[in-house]
Amino acid sequence: MKPRLTHDEHVELGRTLAGIRDELTHRRTQLRTAYPKTGPEAAPARALENAVQAIDAARQALEDLHFHEHPRTAQTHTYWPTPEHRARITPAN
């Protein structure tokens, strides 16, 4: 049997995935503002939307696992933290 994530590892992963989602959502909005919403130039924004949906699906599945593995300590805000508890994703200089 493979080791499972600890409660603290779930919390850190939740913060990180929420931050990544925020950054992808911001970049998708940036692209939708800069390029047409249809046609080939809209493909990057659509791809980012698909990535956001994939992250949300992973967060939901991980939340389910967290509640199954750590029923006494799991909380919904682990994978859906408030903005001040999300990781900040900063571009490299």
Protein backbone atom coordinates (compact mmCIF):
# COMPACT_ATOMS: atom_id res chain seq x y z
CA MET A 1 0.00 0.00 0.00
CA LYS A 2 1.31 3.43 -0.92
CA PRO A 3 1.71 6.11 1.73
CA ARG A 4 -1.04 8.73 1.82
CA LEU A 5 -0.65 12.45 2.22
CA THR A 6 -0.52 13.74 5.76
CA HIS A 7 -3.04 16.34 6.86
CA ASP A 8 -0.35 19.05 6.58
CA GLU A 9 0.58 17.89 3.07
CA HIS A 10 -3.08 18.16 2.05
CA VAL A 11 -3.22 21.70 3.46
CA GLU A 12 -0.09 22.79 1.57
CA LEU A 13 -1.26 21.17 -1.66
CA GLY A 14 -4.65 22.86 -1.31
CA ARG A 15 -3.02 26.27 -0.85
CA THR A 16 -0.77 25.72 -3.85
CA LEU A 17 -3.47 24.46 -6.19
CA ALA A 18 -5.74 27.37 -5.22
CA GLY A 19 -2.92 29.81 -6.00
CA ILE A 20 -2.21 28.18 -9.34
CA ARG A 21 -5.91 28.34 -10.19
CA ASP A 22 -6.00 32.03 -9.33
CA GLU A 23 -3.00 32.75 -11.56
CA LEU A 24 -4.40 30.74 -14.49
CA THR A 25 -7.75 32.52 -14.14
CA HIS A 26 -5.99 35.89 -14.16
CA ARG A 27 -3.97 34.95 -17.27
CA ARG A 28 -7.08 33.61 -19.03
CA THR A 29 -8.82 36.94 -18.41
CA GLN A 30 -5.73 38.76 -19.68
CA LEU A 31 -5.83 36.74 -22.92
CA ARG A 32 -9.58 37.21 -23.37
CA THR A 33 -9.06 40.96 -23.10
CA ALA A 34 -6.14 41.00 -25.55
CA TYR A 35 -7.38 38.57 -28.23
CA PRO A 36 -10.62 37.66 -30.02
CA LYS A 37 -12.95 35.30 -28.17
CA THR A 38 -13.36 33.04 -31.20
CA GLY A 39 -11.08 31.57 -33.83
CA PRO A 40 -7.49 30.37 -33.57
CA GLU A 41 -6.36 33.31 -31.44
CA ALA A 42 -8.84 32.27 -28.73
CA ALA A 43 -7.23 28.82 -28.36
CA PRO A 44 -4.78 29.79 -25.58
CA ALA A 45 -7.56 31.23 -23.39
CA ARG A 46 -9.67 28.10 -23.98
CA ALA A 47 -6.69 25.93 -23.02
CA LEU A 48 -6.26 27.87 -19.78
CA GLU A 49 -9.99 27.45 -19.06
CA ASN A 50 -9.55 23.69 -19.52
CA ALA A 51 -6.59 23.77 -17.14
CA VAL A 52 -8.66 25.63 -14.51
CA GLN A 53 -11.40 23.01 -14.84
CA ALA A 54 -8.85 20.20 -14.49
CA ILE A 55 -7.39 21.78 -11.34
CA ASP A 56 -10.88 22.15 -9.87
CA ALA A 57 -11.60 18.48 -10.60
CA ALA A 58 -8.34 17.47 -8.93
CA ARG A 59 -9.11 19.67 -5.92
CA GLN A 60 -12.53 18.06 -5.53
CA ALA A 61 -11.10 14.54 -5.75
CA LEU A 62 -8.32 15.43 -3.29
CA GLU A 63 -10.85 16.92 -0.88
CA ASP A 64 -12.77 13.64 -0.98
CA LEU A 65 -9.57 11.72 -0.24
CA HIS A 66 -8.67 14.11 2.56
CA PHE A 67 -12.04 13.58 4.27
CA HIS A 68 -11.69 9.82 3.83
CA GLU A 69 -8.10 9.70 5.14
CA HIS A 70 -8.35 12.34 7.89
CA PRO A 71 -12.01 12.55 8.93
CA ARG A 72 -11.25 14.30 12.24
CA THR A 73 -9.14 17.11 10.79
CA ALA A 74 -10.33 17.54 7.20
CA GLN A 75 -12.18 20.74 6.35
CA THR A 76 -13.61 22.09 3.12
CA HIS A 77 -11.33 25.13 3.22
CA THR A 78 -8.31 22.85 2.88
CA TYR A 79 -8.76 22.68 -0.89
CA TRP A 80 -10.97 25.80 -1.21
CA PRO A 81 -9.08 28.28 1.00
CA THR A 82 -9.98 31.91 1.37
CA PRO A 83 -7.86 34.27 -0.77
CA GLU A 84 -5.56 35.25 2.09
CA HIS A 85 -4.65 31.58 2.68
CA ARG A 86 -3.83 30.75 -0.96
CA ALA A 87 -0.27 30.44 -2.24
CA ARG A 88 0.91 33.41 -4.28
CA ILE A 89 2.27 32.47 -7.68
CA THR A 90 4.83 35.00 -8.85
CA PRO A 91 6.44 35.12 -12.28
CA ALA A 92 10.19 34.52 -12.44
CA ASN A 93 12.28 37.57 -13.26
